[in-house]
Amino acid sequence: MSGVDDVFSPESPRPAPPPDRLRRISRLLALALPLNLFGIFCFTGVPGAVMALVGWQLADEEVARAESGALPREARPRAERLRAFAFTQMTLALLSLVAQVVLFGLGFYDYLLQFFLGLAGIGAPAA
């Protein structure tokens, strides 16, 4: 058989289905959510914001693919929900970063560190 016959013969194996990109995006956003939620206390807001931004970009590409007809019509609402969820996470990350700046300026993190050091018995003895 020639190469053309191999491609179009009925016995030729079917190509593998395309990867489920929306599932990957939802997993990425699920990983970014705790980073964004606890960003004020654990300083994980920047990685969470980057992950949310990447998730938003990927979801936006999937919405564009659904609009062009490259994806089934049923995939478009899910891609739009993921894009909205990613935007919400980016907004949350931005608010978290602003709150960190304000709390840092107020000295909140110094008090928080002293509190935890006092709980651990590491703090300086009171004079």
C-alpha atoms as a PDB file:
ATOM      1  CA  MET A   1       0.000   0.000   0.000  1.00  0.00           C
ATOM      2  CA  SER A   2       1.081   3.495  -0.646  1.00  0.00           C
ATOM      3  CA  GLY A   3       1.086   6.287   1.896  1.00  0.00           C
ATOM      4  CA  VAL A   4      -2.209   7.652   0.555  1.00  0.00           C
ATOM      5  CA  ASP A   5      -3.869   4.261   0.900  1.00  0.00           C
ATOM      6  CA  ASP A   6      -2.659   4.018   4.493  1.00  0.00           C
ATOM      7  CA  VAL A   7      -4.247   7.344   5.343  1.00  0.00           C
ATOM      8  CA  PHE A   8      -7.611   6.703   3.695  1.00  0.00           C
ATOM      9  CA  SER A   9      -8.023   2.970   4.195  1.00  0.00           C
ATOM     10  CA  PRO A  10     -10.888   1.864   6.450  1.00  0.00           C
ATOM     11  CA  GLU A  11      -8.465  -0.071   8.653  1.00  0.00           C
ATOM     12  CA  SER A  12      -6.417   3.000   9.498  1.00  0.00           C
ATOM     13  CA  PRO A  13      -6.473   3.894  13.174  1.00  0.00           C
ATOM     14  CA  ARG A  14      -8.514   6.874  14.181  1.00  0.00           C
ATOM     15  CA  PRO A  15      -6.612   9.867  15.446  1.00  0.00           C
ATOM     16  CA  ALA A  16      -6.642  10.472  19.158  1.00  0.00           C
ATOM     17  CA  PRO A  17      -9.307  12.897  20.351  1.00  0.00           C
ATOM     18  CA  PRO A  18      -8.089  16.407  21.064  1.00  0.00           C
ATOM     19  CA  PRO A  19      -7.182  17.143  24.673  1.00  0.00           C
ATOM     20  CA  ASP A  20      -9.898  18.649  26.811  1.00  0.00           C
ATOM     21  CA  ARG A  21      -8.506  22.151  27.145  1.00  0.00           C
ATOM     22  CA  LEU A  22     -11.423  23.367  29.241  1.00  0.00           C
ATOM     23  CA  ARG A  23     -10.645  20.735  31.874  1.00  0.00           C
ATOM     24  CA  ARG A  24      -7.031  21.928  31.992  1.00  0.00           C
ATOM     25  CA  ILE A  25      -8.169  25.519  32.377  1.00  0.00           C
ATOM     26  CA  SER A  26     -10.559  24.618  35.186  1.00  0.00           C
ATOM     27  CA  ARG A  27      -7.769  22.740  36.985  1.00  0.00           C
ATOM     28  CA  LEU A  28      -5.438  25.708  36.600  1.00  0.00           C
ATOM     29  CA  LEU A  29      -8.061  28.048  38.033  1.00  0.00           C
ATOM     30  CA  ALA A  30      -8.800  25.604  40.856  1.00  0.00           C
ATOM     31  CA  LEU A  31      -5.111  25.723  41.794  1.00  0.00           C
ATOM     32  CA  ALA A  32      -5.055  29.507  41.560  1.00  0.00           C
ATOM     33  CA  LEU A  33      -8.113  30.027  43.778  1.00  0.00           C
ATOM     34  CA  PRO A  34      -6.504  29.191  47.164  1.00  0.00           C
ATOM     35  CA  LEU A  35      -3.428  31.186  46.212  1.00  0.00           C
ATOM     36  CA  ASN A  36      -5.632  34.200  45.562  1.00  0.00           C
ATOM     37  CA  LEU A  37      -7.850  33.677  48.616  1.00  0.00           C
ATOM     38  CA  PHE A  38      -4.974  33.372  51.069  1.00  0.00           C
ATOM     39  CA  GLY A  39      -2.762  35.891  49.304  1.00  0.00           C
ATOM     40  CA  ILE A  40      -3.161  38.496  52.023  1.00  0.00           C
ATOM     41  CA  PHE A  41      -1.775  36.244  54.734  1.00  0.00           C
ATOM     42  CA  CYS A  42       0.610  33.955  52.868  1.00  0.00           C
ATOM     43  CA  PHE A  43       1.949  36.299  50.162  1.00  0.00           C
ATOM     44  CA  THR A  44       0.785  33.960  47.395  1.00  0.00           C
ATOM     45  CA  GLY A  45      -1.169  36.615  45.514  1.00  0.00           C
ATOM     46  CA  VAL A  46       1.364  37.128  42.731  1.00  0.00           C
ATOM     47  CA  PRO A  47       1.588  33.465  41.663  1.00  0.00           C
ATOM     48  CA  GLY A  48      -2.205  33.222  41.962  1.00  0.00           C
ATOM     49  CA  ALA A  49      -2.647  36.326  39.821  1.00  0.00           C
ATOM     50  CA  VAL A  50      -0.293  34.965  37.165  1.00  0.00           C
ATOM     51  CA  MET A  51      -2.139  31.645  37.095  1.00  0.00           C
ATOM     52  CA  ALA A  52      -5.493  33.425  36.857  1.00  0.00           C
ATOM     53  CA  LEU A  53      -4.182  35.601  34.026  1.00  0.00           C
ATOM     54  CA  VAL A  54      -2.972  32.549  32.119  1.00  0.00           C
ATOM     55  CA  GLY A  55      -6.312  30.850  32.751  1.00  0.00           C
ATOM     56  CA  TRP A  56      -8.174  33.892  31.470  1.00  0.00           C
ATOM     57  CA  GLN A  57      -6.054  33.990  28.312  1.00  0.00           C
ATOM     58  CA  LEU A  58      -6.587  30.283  27.634  1.00  0.00           C
ATOM     59  CA  ALA A  59     -10.333  30.538  28.286  1.00  0.00           C
ATOM     60  CA  ASP A  60     -10.556  33.553  25.991  1.00  0.00           C
ATOM     61  CA  GLU A  61      -8.854  31.546  23.254  1.00  0.00           C
ATOM     62  CA  GLU A  62     -11.366  28.731  23.761  1.00  0.00           C
ATOM     63  CA  VAL A  63     -14.264  31.191  23.494  1.00  0.00           C
ATOM     64  CA  ALA A  64     -12.799  32.450  20.228  1.00  0.00           C
ATOM     65  CA  ARG A  65     -12.431  28.878  18.971  1.00  0.00           C
ATOM     66  CA  ALA A  66     -16.057  28.154  19.889  1.00  0.00           C
ATOM     67  CA  GLU A  67     -17.219  31.309  18.089  1.00  0.00           C
ATOM     68  CA  SER A  68     -15.304  30.314  14.953  1.00  0.00           C
ATOM     69  CA  GLY A  69     -16.872  26.855  14.936  1.00  0.00           C
ATOM     70  CA  ALA A  70     -13.728  24.901  15.786  1.00  0.00           C
ATOM     71  CA  LEU A  71     -15.413  23.646  18.979  1.00  0.00           C
ATOM     72  CA  PRO A  72     -18.917  22.285  19.484  1.00  0.00           C
ATOM     73  CA  ARG A  73     -21.584  24.804  20.415  1.00  0.00           C
ATOM     74  CA  GLU A  74     -21.975  23.155  23.825  1.00  0.00           C
ATOM     75  CA  ALA A  75     -18.408  24.136  24.775  1.00  0.00           C
ATOM     76  CA  ARG A  76     -18.964  27.871  24.424  1.00  0.00           C
ATOM     77  CA  PRO A  77     -21.005  28.485  27.629  1.00  0.00           C
ATOM     78  CA  ARG A  78     -18.485  26.508  29.682  1.00  0.00           C
ATOM     79  CA  ALA A  79     -15.579  28.452  28.177  1.00  0.00           C
ATOM     80  CA  GLU A  80     -17.365  31.745  28.891  1.00  0.00           C
ATOM     81  CA  ARG A  81     -17.974  30.699  32.515  1.00  0.00           C
ATOM     82  CA  LEU A  82     -14.293  29.805  32.904  1.00  0.00           C
ATOM     83  CA  ARG A  83     -13.293  33.153  31.422  1.00  0.00           C
ATOM     84  CA  ALA A  84     -15.610  34.979  33.861  1.00  0.00           C
ATOM     85  CA  PHE A  85     -14.256  32.914  36.768  1.00  0.00           C
ATOM     86  CA  ALA A  86     -10.692  33.746  35.764  1.00  0.00           C
ATOM     87  CA  PHE A  87     -11.593  37.448  35.574  1.00  0.00           C
ATOM     88  CA  THR A  88     -13.117  37.237  39.054  1.00  0.00           C
ATOM     89  CA  GLN A  89      -9.924  35.661  40.348  1.00  0.00           C
ATOM     90  CA  MET A  90      -7.802  38.372  38.748  1.00  0.00           C
ATOM     91  CA  THR A  91      -9.999  40.999  40.412  1.00  0.00           C
ATOM     92  CA  LEU A  92      -9.661  39.187  43.735  1.00  0.00           C
ATOM     93  CA  ALA A  93      -5.886  39.025  43.319  1.00  0.00           C
ATOM     94  CA  LEU A  94      -5.733  42.749  42.556  1.00  0.00           C
ATOM     95  CA  LEU A  95      -7.789  43.598  45.641  1.00  0.00           C
ATOM     96  CA  SER A  96      -5.596  41.284  47.690  1.00  0.00           C
ATOM     97  CA  LEU A  97      -2.438  43.023  46.500  1.00  0.00           C
ATOM     98  CA  VAL A  98      -3.912  46.448  47.312  1.00  0.00           C
ATOM     99  CA  ALA A  99      -4.902  45.187  50.770  1.00  0.00           C
ATOM    100  CA  GLN A 100      -1.354  43.885  51.292  1.00  0.00           C
ATOM    101  CA  VAL A 101       0.103  47.289  50.476  1.00  0.00           C
ATOM    102  CA  VAL A 102      -2.266  48.998  52.920  1.00  0.00           C
ATOM    103  CA  LEU A 103      -1.667  46.444  55.677  1.00  0.00           C
ATOM    104  CA  PHE A 104       2.074  46.632  55.168  1.00  0.00           C
ATOM    105  CA  GLY A 105       1.943  50.410  55.483  1.00  0.00           C
ATOM    106  CA  LEU A 106      -0.046  50.130  58.713  1.00  0.00           C
ATOM    107  CA  GLY A 107       2.495  47.740  60.234  1.00  0.00           C
ATOM    108  CA  PHE A 108       0.027  44.846  60.402  1.00  0.00           C
ATOM    109  CA  TYR A 109       2.598  42.277  59.331  1.00  0.00           C
ATOM    110  CA  ASP A 110       5.028  43.389  62.049  1.00  0.00           C
ATOM    111  CA  TYR A 111       2.334  42.843  64.674  1.00  0.00           C
ATOM    112  CA  LEU A 112       1.361  39.543  63.121  1.00  0.00           C
ATOM    113  CA  LEU A 113       4.975  38.328  63.146  1.00  0.00           C
ATOM    114  CA  GLN A 114       5.432  39.400  66.776  1.00  0.00           C
ATOM    115  CA  PHE A 115       2.213  37.610  67.718  1.00  0.00           C
ATOM    116  CA  PHE A 116       3.330  34.334  66.151  1.00  0.00           C
ATOM    117  CA  LEU A 117       6.820  34.632  67.616  1.00  0.00           C
ATOM    118  CA  GLY A 118       5.240  35.213  71.028  1.00  0.00           C
ATOM    119  CA  LEU A 119       3.111  32.078  70.602  1.00  0.00           C
ATOM    120  CA  ALA A 120       6.230  30.114  69.774  1.00  0.00           C
ATOM    121  CA  GLY A 121       8.094  31.541  72.793  1.00  0.00           C
ATOM    122  CA  ILE A 122      10.753  33.116  70.609  1.00  0.00           C
ATOM    123  CA  GLY A 123       9.923  36.741  71.310  1.00  0.00           C
ATOM    124  CA  ALA A 124      12.180  39.055  73.301  1.00  0.00           C
ATOM    125  CA  PRO A 125      11.551  39.039  77.064  1.00  0.00           C
ATOM    126  CA  ALA A 126       9.448  41.907  78.349  1.00  0.00           C
ATOM    127  CA  ALA A 127      11.490  44.545  80.185  1.00  0.00           C
END
